[in-house]
C-alpha atoms as a PDB file:
ATOM      1  CA  MET A   1       0.000   0.000   0.000  1.00  0.00           C
ATOM      2  CA  VAL A   2       1.269   3.493  -0.853  1.00  0.00           C
ATOM      3  CA  VAL A   3       0.450   6.731   0.939  1.00  0.00           C
ATOM      4  CA  ASP A   4       1.703  10.030  -0.491  1.00  0.00           C
ATOM      5  CA  GLY A   5       4.156   8.115  -2.660  1.00  0.00           C
ATOM      6  CA  SER A   6       5.648   6.135   0.251  1.00  0.00           C
ATOM      7  CA  PRO A   7       4.963   2.430   0.739  1.00  0.00           C
ATOM      8  CA  ILE A   8       3.297   1.296   3.956  1.00  0.00           C
ATOM      9  CA  GLY A   9       3.669  -2.366   4.784  1.00  0.00           C
ATOM     10  CA  ARG A  10       0.655  -4.534   5.486  1.00  0.00           C
ATOM     11  CA  ARG A  11       1.669  -5.142   9.120  1.00  0.00           C
ATOM     12  CA  VAL A  12       2.174  -1.431   9.743  1.00  0.00           C
ATOM     13  CA  PHE A  13      -1.149  -0.553   8.155  1.00  0.00           C
ATOM     14  CA  LEU A  14      -3.029  -3.227  10.114  1.00  0.00           C
ATOM     15  CA  GLY A  15      -1.282  -2.010  13.237  1.00  0.00           C
ATOM     16  CA  ILE A  16      -2.540   1.496  12.585  1.00  0.00           C
ATOM     17  CA  LEU A  17      -6.070   0.175  12.223  1.00  0.00           C
ATOM     18  CA  GLY A  18      -5.697  -1.802  15.443  1.00  0.00           C
ATOM     19  CA  ILE A  19      -4.492   1.246  17.359  1.00  0.00           C
ATOM     20  CA  GLY A  20      -7.349   3.329  16.054  1.00  0.00           C
ATOM     21  CA  ALA A  21      -9.927   0.656  16.783  1.00  0.00           C
ATOM     22  CA  ALA A  22      -8.632   0.335  20.329  1.00  0.00           C
ATOM     23  CA  GLY A  23      -9.232   4.023  20.821  1.00  0.00           C
ATOM     24  CA  VAL A  24      -5.712   4.810  22.029  1.00  0.00           C
ATOM     25  CA  VAL A  25      -4.729   7.223  19.258  1.00  0.00           C
ATOM     26  CA  THR A  26      -5.288  10.409  21.222  1.00  0.00           C
ATOM     27  CA  GLY A  27      -2.140  12.442  20.666  1.00  0.00           C
ATOM     28  CA  ALA A  28      -2.670  15.444  18.413  1.00  0.00           C
ATOM     29  CA  ALA A  29       0.470  14.701  16.406  1.00  0.00           C
ATOM     30  CA  ILE A  30      -0.495  11.076  15.770  1.00  0.00           C
ATOM     31  CA  GLN A  31      -4.084  11.950  14.963  1.00  0.00           C
ATOM     32  CA  GLY A  32      -2.927  14.656  12.555  1.00  0.00           C
ATOM     33  CA  TRP A  33      -0.657  12.186  10.777  1.00  0.00           C
ATOM     34  CA  LEU A  34      -3.513   9.706  10.439  1.00  0.00           C
ATOM     35  CA  GLU A  35      -5.835  12.332   9.003  1.00  0.00           C
ATOM     36  CA  ARG A  36      -3.253  13.546   6.481  1.00  0.00           C
ATOM     37  CA  ASN A  37      -1.851  10.189   5.408  1.00  0.00           C
ATOM     38  CA  VAL A  38      -4.240   7.348   6.193  1.00  0.00           C
ATOM     39  CA  ALA A  39      -7.695   8.871   5.757  1.00  0.00           C
ATOM     40  CA  PRO A  40      -7.049   9.604   2.050  1.00  0.00           C
ATOM     41  CA  ILE A  41      -6.781   5.836   1.491  1.00  0.00           C
ATOM     42  CA  ILE A  42     -10.550   5.705   1.969  1.00  0.00           C
ATOM     43  CA  GLY A  43     -10.985   7.491  -1.326  1.00  0.00           C
ATOM     44  CA  ARG A  44      -8.715   5.033  -3.146  1.00  0.00           C
ATOM     45  CA  ASP A  45     -10.219   1.799  -1.811  1.00  0.00           C
ATOM     46  CA  PRO A  46     -12.730   0.525  -4.389  1.00  0.00           C
ATOM     47  CA  THR A  47     -14.164  -1.989  -1.912  1.00  0.00           C
ATOM     48  CA  GLY A  48     -15.317   0.689   0.535  1.00  0.00           C
ATOM     49  CA  LEU A  49     -14.060  -1.476   3.423  1.00  0.00           C
ATOM     50  CA  LEU A  50     -12.152   1.428   4.920  1.00  0.00           C
ATOM     51  CA  ALA A  51     -15.222   3.615   5.260  1.00  0.00           C
ATOM     52  CA  LEU A  52     -15.141   2.803   8.985  1.00  0.00           C
ATOM     53  CA  LEU A  53     -11.473   3.702   9.483  1.00  0.00           C
ATOM     54  CA  PRO A  54     -11.005   5.139  12.999  1.00  0.00           C
ATOM     55  CA  ILE A  55      -9.347   8.560  13.160  1.00  0.00           C
ATOM     56  CA  GLY A  56      -8.766   9.486  16.779  1.00  0.00           C
ATOM     57  CA  ARG A  57     -12.064   8.945  18.586  1.00  0.00           C
ATOM     58  CA  PHE A  58     -14.156   8.959  15.402  1.00  0.00           C
ATOM     59  CA  ARG A  59     -14.895   6.700  12.459  1.00  0.00           C
ATOM     60  CA  ILE A  60     -14.699   8.482   9.135  1.00  0.00           C
ATOM     61  CA  TYR A  61     -17.427   8.015   6.528  1.00  0.00           C
ATOM     62  CA  THR A  62     -17.777   9.226   2.960  1.00  0.00           C
ATOM     63  CA  VAL A  63     -20.627   8.689   0.500  1.00  0.00           C
ATOM     64  CA  THR A  64     -18.470   9.490  -2.533  1.00  0.00           C
ATOM     65  CA  GLY A  65     -15.446   7.256  -1.880  1.00  0.00           C
ATOM     66  CA  GLY A  66     -13.176  10.260  -1.302  1.00  0.00           C
ATOM     67  CA  LEU A  67     -12.425  13.026   1.178  1.00  0.00           C
ATOM     68  CA  PRO A  68     -12.725  16.434  -0.511  1.00  0.00           C
ATOM     69  CA  GLU A  69     -10.389  19.220   0.569  1.00  0.00           C
ATOM     70  CA  ARG A  70     -10.714  22.961   0.486  1.00  0.00           C
ATOM     71  CA  SER A  71      -8.391  25.429   2.185  1.00  0.00           C
ATOM     72  CA  ARG A  72      -9.680  28.089   4.522  1.00  0.00           C
ATOM     73  CA  GLY A  73      -8.504  30.688   2.023  1.00  0.00           C
ATOM     74  CA  ASP A  74     -10.535  29.130  -0.792  1.00  0.00           C
ATOM     75  CA  TYR A  75     -13.596  28.343   1.305  1.00  0.00           C
ATOM     76  CA  ARG A  76     -16.962  29.964   0.497  1.00  0.00           C
ATOM     77  CA  LEU A  77     -20.374  29.397   2.059  1.00  0.00           C
ATOM     78  CA  ARG A  78     -23.352  30.355  -0.080  1.00  0.00           C
ATOM     79  CA  VAL A  79     -26.633  31.351   1.603  1.00  0.00           C
ATOM     80  CA  ALA A  80     -29.573  31.604  -0.789  1.00  0.00           C
ATOM     81  CA  GLY A  81     -33.179  30.605  -1.407  1.00  0.00           C
ATOM     82  CA  LEU A  82     -36.012  32.368   0.443  1.00  0.00           C
ATOM     83  CA  VAL A  83     -33.824  35.081   1.965  1.00  0.00           C
ATOM     84  CA  GLU A  84     -33.773  38.857   1.792  1.00  0.00           C
ATOM     85  CA  ARG A  85     -30.045  39.016   1.070  1.00  0.00           C
ATOM     86  CA  GLU A  86     -28.027  36.254  -0.556  1.00  0.00           C
ATOM     87  CA  LEU A  87     -24.644  35.814   1.087  1.00  0.00           C
ATOM     88  CA  ASP A  88     -21.263  34.554  -0.110  1.00  0.00           C
ATOM     89  CA  LEU A  89     -19.278  34.112   3.098  1.00  0.00           C
ATOM     90  CA  SER A  90     -15.544  33.504   3.283  1.00  0.00           C
ATOM     91  CA  PHE A  91     -13.984  31.619   6.183  1.00  0.00           C
ATOM     92  CA  ASP A  92     -12.876  34.947   7.664  1.00  0.00           C
ATOM     93  CA  ASP A  93     -16.482  36.146   7.432  1.00  0.00           C
ATOM     94  CA  LEU A  94     -17.523  33.179   9.570  1.00  0.00           C
ATOM     95  CA  LEU A  95     -14.812  33.963  12.126  1.00  0.00           C
ATOM     96  CA  ALA A  96     -16.071  37.550  12.326  1.00  0.00           C
ATOM     97  CA  LEU A  97     -19.534  36.404  13.434  1.00  0.00           C
ATOM     98  CA  PRO A  98     -20.249  35.820  17.150  1.00  0.00           C
ATOM     99  CA  SER A  99     -18.839  32.439  18.107  1.00  0.00           C
ATOM    100  CA  ALA A 100     -20.552  29.737  20.155  1.00  0.00           C
ATOM    101  CA  GLU A 101     -19.384  26.515  21.768  1.00  0.00           C
ATOM    102  CA  VAL A 102     -21.234  23.260  22.385  1.00  0.00           C
ATOM    103  CA  LYS A 103     -19.968  20.223  24.301  1.00  0.00           C
ATOM    104  CA  ARG A 104     -22.059  17.135  23.629  1.00  0.00           C
ATOM    105  CA  ASP A 105     -21.729  13.480  22.760  1.00  0.00           C
ATOM    106  CA  PHE A 106     -21.541  12.628  19.053  1.00  0.00           C
ATOM    107  CA  GLN A 107     -23.543   9.522  18.215  1.00  0.00           C
ATOM    108  CA  CYS A 108     -23.697   7.645  14.931  1.00  0.00           C
ATOM    109  CA  VAL A 109     -26.906   5.905  13.943  1.00  0.00           C
ATOM    110  CA  THR A 110     -24.844   2.692  13.574  1.00  0.00           C
ATOM    111  CA  GLY A 111     -24.328   2.635  17.340  1.00  0.00           C
ATOM    112  CA  TRP A 112     -20.937   4.119  18.218  1.00  0.00           C
ATOM    113  CA  ARG A 113     -20.677   7.219  20.392  1.00  0.00           C
ATOM    114  CA  VAL A 114     -17.915   9.733  21.136  1.00  0.00           C
ATOM    115  CA  PRO A 115     -18.509  11.394  24.534  1.00  0.00           C
ATOM    116  CA  ASP A 116     -17.987  15.064  25.377  1.00  0.00           C
ATOM    117  CA  VAL A 117     -16.991  16.434  21.979  1.00  0.00           C
ATOM    118  CA  HIS A 118     -16.172  20.150  22.105  1.00  0.00           C
ATOM    119  CA  TRP A 119     -17.414  22.056  19.043  1.00  0.00           C
ATOM    120  CA  LYS A 120     -16.877  25.725  18.242  1.00  0.00           C
ATOM    121  CA  GLY A 121     -18.385  27.746  15.435  1.00  0.00           C
ATOM    122  CA  VAL A 122     -21.249  30.084  14.636  1.00  0.00           C
ATOM    123  CA  ARG A 123     -24.848  29.386  15.556  1.00  0.00           C
ATOM    124  CA  LEU A 124     -26.720  28.664  12.353  1.00  0.00           C
ATOM    125  CA  ARG A 125     -29.376  31.194  13.298  1.00  0.00           C
ATOM    126  CA  GLU A 126     -26.725  33.935  13.233  1.00  0.00           C
ATOM    127  CA  VAL A 127     -26.054  33.145   9.585  1.00  0.00           C
ATOM    128  CA  LEU A 128     -29.775  32.973   8.794  1.00  0.00           C
ATOM    129  CA  ASP A 129     -30.394  36.310  10.524  1.00  0.00           C
ATOM    130  CA  ARG A 130     -27.672  37.952   8.434  1.00  0.00           C
ATOM    131  CA  ALA A 131     -29.445  36.779   5.303  1.00  0.00           C
ATOM    132  CA  GLY A 132     -32.962  37.472   6.565  1.00  0.00           C
ATOM    133  CA  VAL A 133     -35.488  34.661   6.153  1.00  0.00           C
ATOM    134  CA  ARG A 134     -38.581  35.509   4.130  1.00  0.00           C
ATOM    135  CA  ASP A 135     -42.055  34.699   5.445  1.00  0.00           C
ATOM    136  CA  ALA A 136     -42.389  31.759   3.042  1.00  0.00           C
ATOM    137  CA  GLY A 137     -39.238  30.099   4.426  1.00  0.00           C
ATOM    138  CA  ALA A 138     -40.033  27.110   6.640  1.00  0.00           C
ATOM    139  CA  ALA A 139     -36.997  24.830   6.260  1.00  0.00           C
ATOM    140  CA  VAL A 140     -33.281  24.897   5.524  1.00  0.00           C
ATOM    141  CA  ARG A 141     -31.404  22.660   3.094  1.00  0.00           C
ATOM    142  CA  PHE A 142     -27.653  22.063   3.291  1.00  0.00           C
ATOM    143  CA  VAL A 143     -25.320  20.985   0.482  1.00  0.00           C
ATOM    144  CA  SER A 144     -21.817  19.498   0.760  1.00  0.00           C
ATOM    145  CA  PHE A 145     -18.956  20.297  -1.568  1.00  0.00           C
ATOM    146  CA  ASP A 146     -18.324  16.548  -1.863  1.00  0.00           C
ATOM    147  CA  GLY A 147     -20.796  16.751  -4.758  1.00  0.00           C
ATOM    148  CA  ALA A 148     -23.339  14.290  -3.357  1.00  0.00           C
ATOM    149  CA  TYR A 149     -24.413  14.834   0.225  1.00  0.00           C
ATOM    150  CA  SER A 150     -27.332  16.971   1.375  1.00  0.00           C
ATOM    151  CA  GLU A 151     -29.419  17.413   4.522  1.00  0.00           C
ATOM    152  CA  SER A 152     -32.387  19.461   5.776  1.00  0.00           C
ATOM    153  CA  LEU A 153     -33.841  20.854   8.986  1.00  0.00           C
ATOM    154  CA  THR A 154     -37.029  22.703   9.760  1.00  0.00           C
ATOM    155  CA  LEU A 155     -36.502  26.412  10.358  1.00  0.00           C
ATOM    156  CA  GLU A 156     -37.361  25.892  14.025  1.00  0.00           C
ATOM    157  CA  GLN A 157     -34.681  23.217  14.366  1.00  0.00           C
ATOM    158  CA  ALA A 158     -32.134  25.343  12.505  1.00  0.00           C
ATOM    159  CA  ARG A 159     -32.572  28.145  15.058  1.00  0.00           C
ATOM    160  CA  TRP A 160     -31.761  26.050  18.139  1.00  0.00           C
ATOM    161  CA  ASP A 161     -28.818  27.095  20.330  1.00  0.00           C
ATOM    162  CA  ASP A 162     -26.971  23.803  19.735  1.00  0.00           C
ATOM    163  CA  VAL A 163     -27.011  23.843  15.928  1.00  0.00           C
ATOM    164  CA  LEU A 164     -23.738  25.256  14.606  1.00  0.00           C
ATOM    165  CA  VAL A 165     -21.768  25.991  11.508  1.00  0.00           C
ATOM    166  CA  ALA A 166     -18.723  24.451  13.184  1.00  0.00           C
ATOM    167  CA  TYR A 167     -15.082  25.176  12.376  1.00  0.00           C
ATOM    168  CA  GLU A 168     -13.260  23.759  15.436  1.00  0.00           C
ATOM    169  CA  LEU A 169     -13.307  20.292  16.999  1.00  0.00           C
ATOM    170  CA  ASP A 170     -11.839  19.708  20.476  1.00  0.00           C
ATOM    171  CA  GLY A 171      -9.855  22.933  20.268  1.00  0.00           C
ATOM    172  CA  GLN A 172      -8.347  22.226  16.846  1.00  0.00           C
ATOM    173  CA  PRO A 173      -9.240  23.562  13.376  1.00  0.00           C
ATOM    174  CA  LEU A 174     -11.732  21.255  11.718  1.00  0.00           C
ATOM    175  CA  SER A 175      -9.777  18.920   9.429  1.00  0.00           C
ATOM    176  CA  SER A 176     -10.917  17.678   6.046  1.00  0.00           C
ATOM    177  CA  ALA A 177     -11.527  14.218   7.514  1.00  0.00           C
ATOM    178  CA  HIS A 178     -13.985  15.751   9.963  1.00  0.00           C
ATOM    179  CA  GLY A 179     -15.719  17.906   7.342  1.00  0.00           C
ATOM    180  CA  GLY A 180     -13.640  21.087   7.379  1.00  0.00           C
ATOM    181  CA  PRO A 181     -13.084  23.884   6.867  1.00  0.00           C
ATOM    182  CA  ALA A 182     -16.714  24.169   8.110  1.00  0.00           C
ATOM    183  CA  ARG A 183     -19.547  21.723   8.655  1.00  0.00           C
ATOM    184  CA  LEU A 184     -22.996  21.542  10.128  1.00  0.00           C
ATOM    185  CA  TYR A 185     -23.328  20.241  13.693  1.00  0.00           C
ATOM    186  CA  VAL A 186     -26.798  19.319  14.978  1.00  0.00           C
ATOM    187  CA  ALA A 187     -26.365  18.247  18.608  1.00  0.00           C
ATOM    188  CA  PRO A 188     -29.807  16.658  19.220  1.00  0.00           C
ATOM    189  CA  MET A 189     -29.629  14.387  16.171  1.00  0.00           C
ATOM    190  CA  TYR A 190     -27.559  11.463  14.915  1.00  0.00           C
ATOM    191  CA  GLY A 191     -24.352  12.185  13.073  1.00  0.00           C
ATOM    192  CA  TYR A 192     -25.787  11.799   9.584  1.00  0.00           C
ATOM    193  CA  LYS A 193     -27.692  15.063  10.123  1.00  0.00           C
ATOM    194  CA  SER A 194     -24.432  16.956  10.769  1.00  0.00           C
ATOM    195  CA  LEU A 195     -23.413  17.461   7.158  1.00  0.00           C
ATOM    196  CA  LYS A 196     -19.687  17.645   6.410  1.00  0.00           C
ATOM    197  CA  TRP A 197     -17.930  19.991   3.984  1.00  0.00           C
ATOM    198  CA  LEU A 198     -20.699  22.591   4.082  1.00  0.00           C
ATOM    199  CA  ARG A 199     -20.924  24.521   0.803  1.00  0.00           C
ATOM    200  CA  ALA A 200     -24.426  25.984   0.647  1.00  0.00           C
ATOM    201  CA  ILE A 201     -27.389  26.830   2.852  1.00  0.00           C
ATOM    202  CA  GLU A 202     -30.728  27.227   1.109  1.00  0.00           C
ATOM    203  CA  VAL A 203     -33.929  28.391   2.800  1.00  0.00           C
ATOM    204  CA  THR A 204     -36.854  26.437   1.355  1.00  0.00           C
ATOM    205  CA  PRO A 205     -40.666  26.404   1.740  1.00  0.00           C
ATOM    206  CA  SER A 206     -40.616  22.840   3.141  1.00  0.00           C
ATOM    207  CA  VAL A 207     -38.168  20.155   4.232  1.00  0.00           C
ATOM    208  CA  VAL A 208     -36.339  18.525   1.334  1.00  0.00           C
ATOM    209  CA  PRO A 209     -35.264  14.949   2.210  1.00  0.00           C
ATOM    210  CA  GLY A 210     -31.490  14.623   2.238  1.00  0.00           C
ATOM    211  CA  PHE A 211     -29.111  11.945   0.962  1.00  0.00           C
ATOM    212  CA  TRP A 212     -29.861   9.386   3.685  1.00  0.00           C
ATOM    213  CA  GLU A 213     -33.542  10.248   4.026  1.00  0.00           C
ATOM    214  CA  GLU A 214     -33.953   9.330   0.367  1.00  0.00           C
ATOM    215  CA  ARG A 215     -32.527   5.945   1.354  1.00  0.00           C
ATOM    216  CA  GLY A 216     -34.899   5.315   4.251  1.00  0.00           C
ATOM    217  CA  TYR A 217     -33.407   7.202   7.220  1.00  0.00           C
ATOM    218  CA  ASP A 218     -35.650   9.344   9.439  1.00  0.00           C
ATOM    219  CA  VAL A 219     -35.912  13.010   8.499  1.00  0.00           C
ATOM    220  CA  ASN A 220     -35.777  13.811  12.231  1.00  0.00           C
ATOM    221  CA  GLY A 221     -32.823  11.728  13.387  1.00  0.00           C
ATOM    222  CA  TRP A 222     -33.255  12.212  17.137  1.00  0.00           C
ATOM    223  CA  VAL A 223     -30.530  10.884  19.422  1.00  0.00           C
ATOM    224  CA  GLY A 224     -32.824  11.099  22.457  1.00  0.00           C
ATOM    225  CA  ARG A 225     -32.581  12.552  25.916  1.00  0.00           C
ATOM    226  CA  SER A 226     -29.160  10.974  26.430  1.00  0.00           C
ATOM    227  CA  ASN A 227     -27.603  13.956  24.641  1.00  0.00           C
ATOM    228  CA  ASN A 228     -28.638  16.504  27.285  1.00  0.00           C
ATOM    229  CA  ARG A 229     -31.757  17.802  25.561  1.00  0.00           C
ATOM    230  CA  ASP A 230     -34.748  18.103  27.897  1.00  0.00           C
ATOM    231  CA  ASP A 231     -36.911  19.365  25.039  1.00  0.00           C
ATOM    232  CA  ASP A 232     -36.024  16.464  22.736  1.00  0.00           C
ATOM    233  CA  PRO A 233     -39.370  14.943  21.655  1.00  0.00           C
ATOM    234  CA  THR A 234     -38.039  11.422  22.155  1.00  0.00           C
END
């Protein structure tokens, strides 16, 4: 196996997987190396078997077979649809907005959970307020720059305190493997609702089923009261 032009032996690679699966890869330097050098293998594995590759405390998924990358300097977030003012936000524009932090568990619908994840970013409602939602707007659709993934929330859900356009994870800039430079984070719902590689926000008249909803997942992917939400309907 070759990573960045350098061969990695089978034993070494399997050892990396074993370390990650055991959950002991916690050092920032080691995790950074894994994200830069091992996570890209996901996109080159035609079998898809590495879609569950552990990176730090997380398992990394992709619906396209690759991990897209975009630098902070090149990043743009488009806000359009039923808004008063369409926006084209740079990464620096996001940093200039009031920041917010949320510390919650991250749970995948497949059953694994990462406790006490520290997210930092901008509350989604701050972005929506800058654009101004028209009266006909009742939902928000999100599009990834991976070219395939999409998600939706009701406007009420999008305005919750614990729904972020996130750009930091556990005190570090959000890496490409985790959906950077910026992603959606929806604390009360399973991970598939927290769209990675956020490219566009569109205010719509009704909820548009996203990638996984079109394949049978619930539109409201509630985690439940275990994620510190007293008002969670489950």
